[in-house]
Amino acid sequence: MLKIVPDPPLHSKDSSLSLEDLLIEISEYLVCALTVSQQTVLLHVKPPGQVLTLAAMHEIEHARTLVEVALSRLQPQH
């Protein structure tokens, strides 16, 4: 059977994660949240059930964009 929703990223409680690693983990969680939202829209075909989910998808997409911008601004640390 084909999996529709990706597995959430493995959460590490290691406080020594770099900012870049944290942003990547956040981005992976946002991908999962967006996928779940997309599936919810497909399940609720009538507008009242879709409105809040579509709004949530919009916010998730913008949050993911901000994470990608933050990642692009990080200086590689070697």
N, C-alpha and C. Protein backbone atom coordinates (compact mmCIF):
# COMPACT_ATOMS: atom_id res chain seq x y z
N MET A 1 0.83 -1.18 0.00
CA MET A 1 0.00 0.00 0.00
C MET A 1 0.89 1.25 0.00
N LEU A 2 0.52 2.21 -0.80
CA LEU A 2 1.28 3.45 -0.93
C LEU A 2 1.01 4.37 0.25
N LYS A 3 2.08 4.85 0.89
CA LYS A 3 1.92 5.79 2.00
C LYS A 3 1.61 7.17 1.46
N ILE A 4 0.58 7.78 2.00
CA ILE A 4 0.18 9.11 1.56
C ILE A 4 0.92 10.19 2.36
N VAL A 5 1.04 9.96 3.66
CA VAL A 5 1.66 10.94 4.55
C VAL A 5 3.07 10.50 4.90
N PRO A 6 4.05 11.38 4.73
CA PRO A 6 5.42 11.00 5.07
C PRO A 6 5.60 10.84 6.58
N ASP A 7 6.58 10.04 6.97
CA ASP A 7 6.91 9.91 8.39
C ASP A 7 7.47 11.23 8.88
N PRO A 8 7.12 11.61 10.12
CA PRO A 8 7.72 12.83 10.65
C PRO A 8 9.21 12.62 10.86
N PRO A 9 9.97 13.69 10.85
CA PRO A 9 11.42 13.54 11.05
C PRO A 9 11.72 12.98 12.43
N LEU A 10 12.85 12.33 12.54
CA LEU A 10 13.27 11.83 13.84
C LEU A 10 13.66 13.01 14.70
N HIS A 11 12.99 13.14 15.82
CA HIS A 11 13.24 14.29 16.70
C HIS A 11 14.42 14.00 17.60
N SER A 12 15.33 14.92 17.59
CA SER A 12 16.49 14.78 18.45
C SER A 12 16.40 15.81 19.56
N LYS A 13 16.50 15.37 20.79
CA LYS A 13 16.47 16.30 21.93
C LYS A 13 17.88 16.79 22.27
N ASP A 14 18.80 16.53 21.36
CA ASP A 14 20.19 16.94 21.56
C ASP A 14 20.27 18.46 21.45
N SER A 15 20.66 19.12 22.53
CA SER A 15 20.71 20.58 22.53
C SER A 15 21.92 21.12 21.77
N SER A 16 22.76 20.24 21.27
CA SER A 16 23.94 20.71 20.56
C SER A 16 23.70 20.83 19.06
N LEU A 17 22.44 20.70 18.63
CA LEU A 17 22.14 20.85 17.21
C LEU A 17 22.44 22.28 16.76
N SER A 18 22.95 22.40 15.56
CA SER A 18 23.24 23.72 15.02
C SER A 18 21.93 24.39 14.58
N LEU A 19 22.00 25.68 14.38
CA LEU A 19 20.83 26.42 13.90
C LEU A 19 20.36 25.86 12.56
N GLU A 20 21.32 25.52 11.71
CA GLU A 20 20.98 24.96 10.41
C GLU A 20 20.23 23.63 10.56
N ASP A 21 20.69 22.77 11.44
CA ASP A 21 20.02 21.49 11.67
C ASP A 21 18.61 21.69 12.21
N LEU A 22 18.45 22.66 13.12
CA LEU A 22 17.12 22.95 13.66
C LEU A 22 16.18 23.45 12.57
N LEU A 23 16.66 24.33 11.72
CA LEU A 23 15.82 24.85 10.64
C LEU A 23 15.44 23.75 9.65
N ILE A 24 16.36 22.85 9.38
CA ILE A 24 16.06 21.73 8.49
C ILE A 24 14.99 20.84 9.11
N GLU A 25 15.10 20.59 10.40
CA GLU A 25 14.11 19.76 11.09
C GLU A 25 12.73 20.44 11.08
N ILE A 26 12.71 21.75 11.30
CA ILE A 26 11.46 22.50 11.24
C ILE A 26 10.85 22.40 9.85
N SER A 27 11.68 22.53 8.83
CA SER A 27 11.20 22.43 7.45
C SER A 27 10.59 21.06 7.18
N GLU A 28 11.20 20.00 7.71
CA GLU A 28 10.66 18.65 7.52
C GLU A 28 9.31 18.50 8.21
N TYR A 29 9.15 19.07 9.40
CA TYR A 29 7.86 19.03 10.08
C TYR A 29 6.81 19.80 9.29
N LEU A 30 7.20 20.92 8.71
CA LEU A 30 6.25 21.70 7.92
C LEU A 30 5.81 20.95 6.67
N VAL A 31 6.71 20.20 6.05
CA VAL A 31 6.33 19.36 4.89
C VAL A 31 5.29 18.33 5.31
N CYS A 32 5.49 17.70 6.46
CA CYS A 32 4.52 16.72 6.97
C CYS A 32 3.17 17.38 7.23
N ALA A 33 3.20 18.55 7.88
CA ALA A 33 1.95 19.25 8.19
C ALA A 33 1.22 19.66 6.90
N LEU A 34 1.96 20.09 5.90
CA LEU A 34 1.35 20.48 4.64
C LEU A 34 0.73 19.27 3.94
N THR A 35 1.40 18.14 3.98
CA THR A 35 0.88 16.92 3.36
C THR A 35 -0.41 16.48 4.04
N VAL A 36 -0.44 16.52 5.36
CA VAL A 36 -1.65 16.16 6.10
C VAL A 36 -2.79 17.11 5.74
N SER A 37 -2.48 18.39 5.65
CA SER A 37 -3.50 19.38 5.28
C SER A 37 -4.04 19.13 3.88
N GLN A 38 -3.17 18.81 2.95
CA GLN A 38 -3.60 18.53 1.58
C GLN A 38 -4.53 17.33 1.54
N GLN A 39 -4.22 16.30 2.31
CA GLN A 39 -5.08 15.12 2.36
C GLN A 39 -6.42 15.45 3.00
N THR A 40 -6.42 16.32 3.99
CA THR A 40 -7.66 16.72 4.65
C THR A 40 -8.57 17.47 3.68
N VAL A 41 -8.00 18.31 2.83
CA VAL A 41 -8.80 19.02 1.83
C VAL A 41 -9.47 18.03 0.89
N LEU A 42 -8.75 16.98 0.53
CA LEU A 42 -9.33 15.96 -0.37
C LEU A 42 -10.45 15.19 0.31
N LEU A 43 -10.38 15.01 1.62
CA LEU A 43 -11.41 14.28 2.35
C LEU A 43 -12.67 15.12 2.59
N HIS A 44 -12.50 16.41 2.79
CA HIS A 44 -13.63 17.31 3.02
C HIS A 44 -13.89 18.10 1.75
N VAL A 45 -14.75 17.56 0.91
CA VAL A 45 -14.95 18.15 -0.41
C VAL A 45 -15.89 19.35 -0.39
N LYS A 46 -16.61 19.57 0.70
CA LYS A 46 -17.52 20.72 0.78
C LYS A 46 -16.78 21.91 1.37
N PRO A 47 -17.05 23.10 0.86
CA PRO A 47 -16.33 24.30 1.29
C PRO A 47 -16.23 24.54 2.79
N PRO A 48 -17.28 24.33 3.61
CA PRO A 48 -17.09 24.61 5.04
C PRO A 48 -15.97 23.78 5.67
N GLY A 49 -15.79 22.56 5.21
CA GLY A 49 -14.74 21.72 5.76
C GLY A 49 -13.36 22.04 5.23
N GLN A 50 -13.31 22.77 4.14
CA GLN A 50 -12.03 23.07 3.51
C GLN A 50 -11.44 24.42 3.88
N VAL A 51 -12.28 25.36 4.27
CA VAL A 51 -11.82 26.74 4.45
C VAL A 51 -10.67 26.85 5.45
N LEU A 52 -10.85 26.28 6.63
CA LEU A 52 -9.79 26.39 7.65
C LEU A 52 -8.55 25.60 7.25
N THR A 53 -8.76 24.47 6.59
CA THR A 53 -7.60 23.68 6.16
C THR A 53 -6.81 24.42 5.09
N LEU A 54 -7.50 25.05 4.16
CA LEU A 54 -6.81 25.84 3.13
C LEU A 54 -6.07 27.01 3.75
N ALA A 55 -6.67 27.63 4.76
CA ALA A 55 -5.99 28.74 5.46
C ALA A 55 -4.74 28.22 6.17
N ALA A 56 -4.86 27.05 6.81
CA ALA A 56 -3.70 26.47 7.48
C ALA A 56 -2.60 26.14 6.47
N MET A 57 -2.97 25.60 5.31
CA MET A 57 -1.98 25.29 4.26
C MET A 57 -1.25 26.54 3.83
N HIS A 58 -2.00 27.63 3.69
CA HIS A 58 -1.41 28.90 3.29
C HIS A 58 -0.36 29.35 4.31
N GLU A 59 -0.70 29.26 5.59
CA GLU A 59 0.24 29.65 6.65
C GLU A 59 1.45 28.73 6.71
N ILE A 60 1.22 27.43 6.53
CA ILE A 60 2.33 26.46 6.54
C ILE A 60 3.30 26.74 5.40
N GLU A 61 2.75 27.02 4.21
CA GLU A 61 3.60 27.33 3.05
C GLU A 61 4.45 28.57 3.30
N HIS A 62 3.86 29.59 3.92
CA HIS A 62 4.62 30.81 4.21
C HIS A 62 5.68 30.56 5.28
N ALA A 63 5.36 29.77 6.28
CA ALA A 63 6.35 29.44 7.30
C ALA A 63 7.51 28.68 6.68
N ARG A 64 7.20 27.77 5.79
CA ARG A 64 8.25 26.99 5.13
C ARG A 64 9.14 27.89 4.26
N THR A 65 8.53 28.85 3.60
CA THR A 65 9.29 29.81 2.80
C THR A 65 10.25 30.61 3.70
N LEU A 66 9.77 31.03 4.86
CA LEU A 66 10.63 31.77 5.79
C LEU A 66 11.79 30.92 6.28
N VAL A 67 11.54 29.64 6.54
CA VAL A 67 12.61 28.74 6.95
C VAL A 67 13.64 28.59 5.84
N GLU A 68 13.16 28.46 4.60
CA GLU A 68 14.08 28.33 3.47
C GLU A 68 14.93 29.60 3.30
N VAL A 69 14.32 30.77 3.50
CA VAL A 69 15.07 32.03 3.42
C VAL A 69 16.13 32.07 4.53
N ALA A 70 15.74 31.67 5.73
CA ALA A 70 16.70 31.65 6.85
C ALA A 70 17.85 30.70 6.56
N LEU A 71 17.54 29.52 6.00
CA LEU A 71 18.60 28.56 5.66
C LEU A 71 19.54 29.13 4.60
N SER A 72 18.99 29.85 3.63
CA SER A 72 19.83 30.40 2.57
C SER A 72 20.74 31.51 3.08
N ARG A 73 20.39 32.14 4.19
CA ARG A 73 21.20 33.23 4.75
C ARG A 73 22.26 32.76 5.73
N LEU A 74 22.18 31.50 6.13
CA LEU A 74 23.19 30.99 7.07
C LEU A 74 24.54 30.88 6.38
N GLN A 75 25.56 31.27 7.10
CA GLN A 75 26.91 31.13 6.58
C GLN A 75 27.41 29.72 6.87
N PRO A 76 27.98 29.04 5.90
CA PRO A 76 28.55 27.71 6.19
C PRO A 76 29.64 27.83 7.25
N GLN A 77 29.57 26.95 8.24
CA GLN A 77 30.57 26.98 9.31
C GLN A 77 31.50 25.79 9.14
N HIS A 78 32.72 26.08 8.74
CA HIS A 78 33.72 25.01 8.53
C HIS A 78 34.85 25.17 9.50
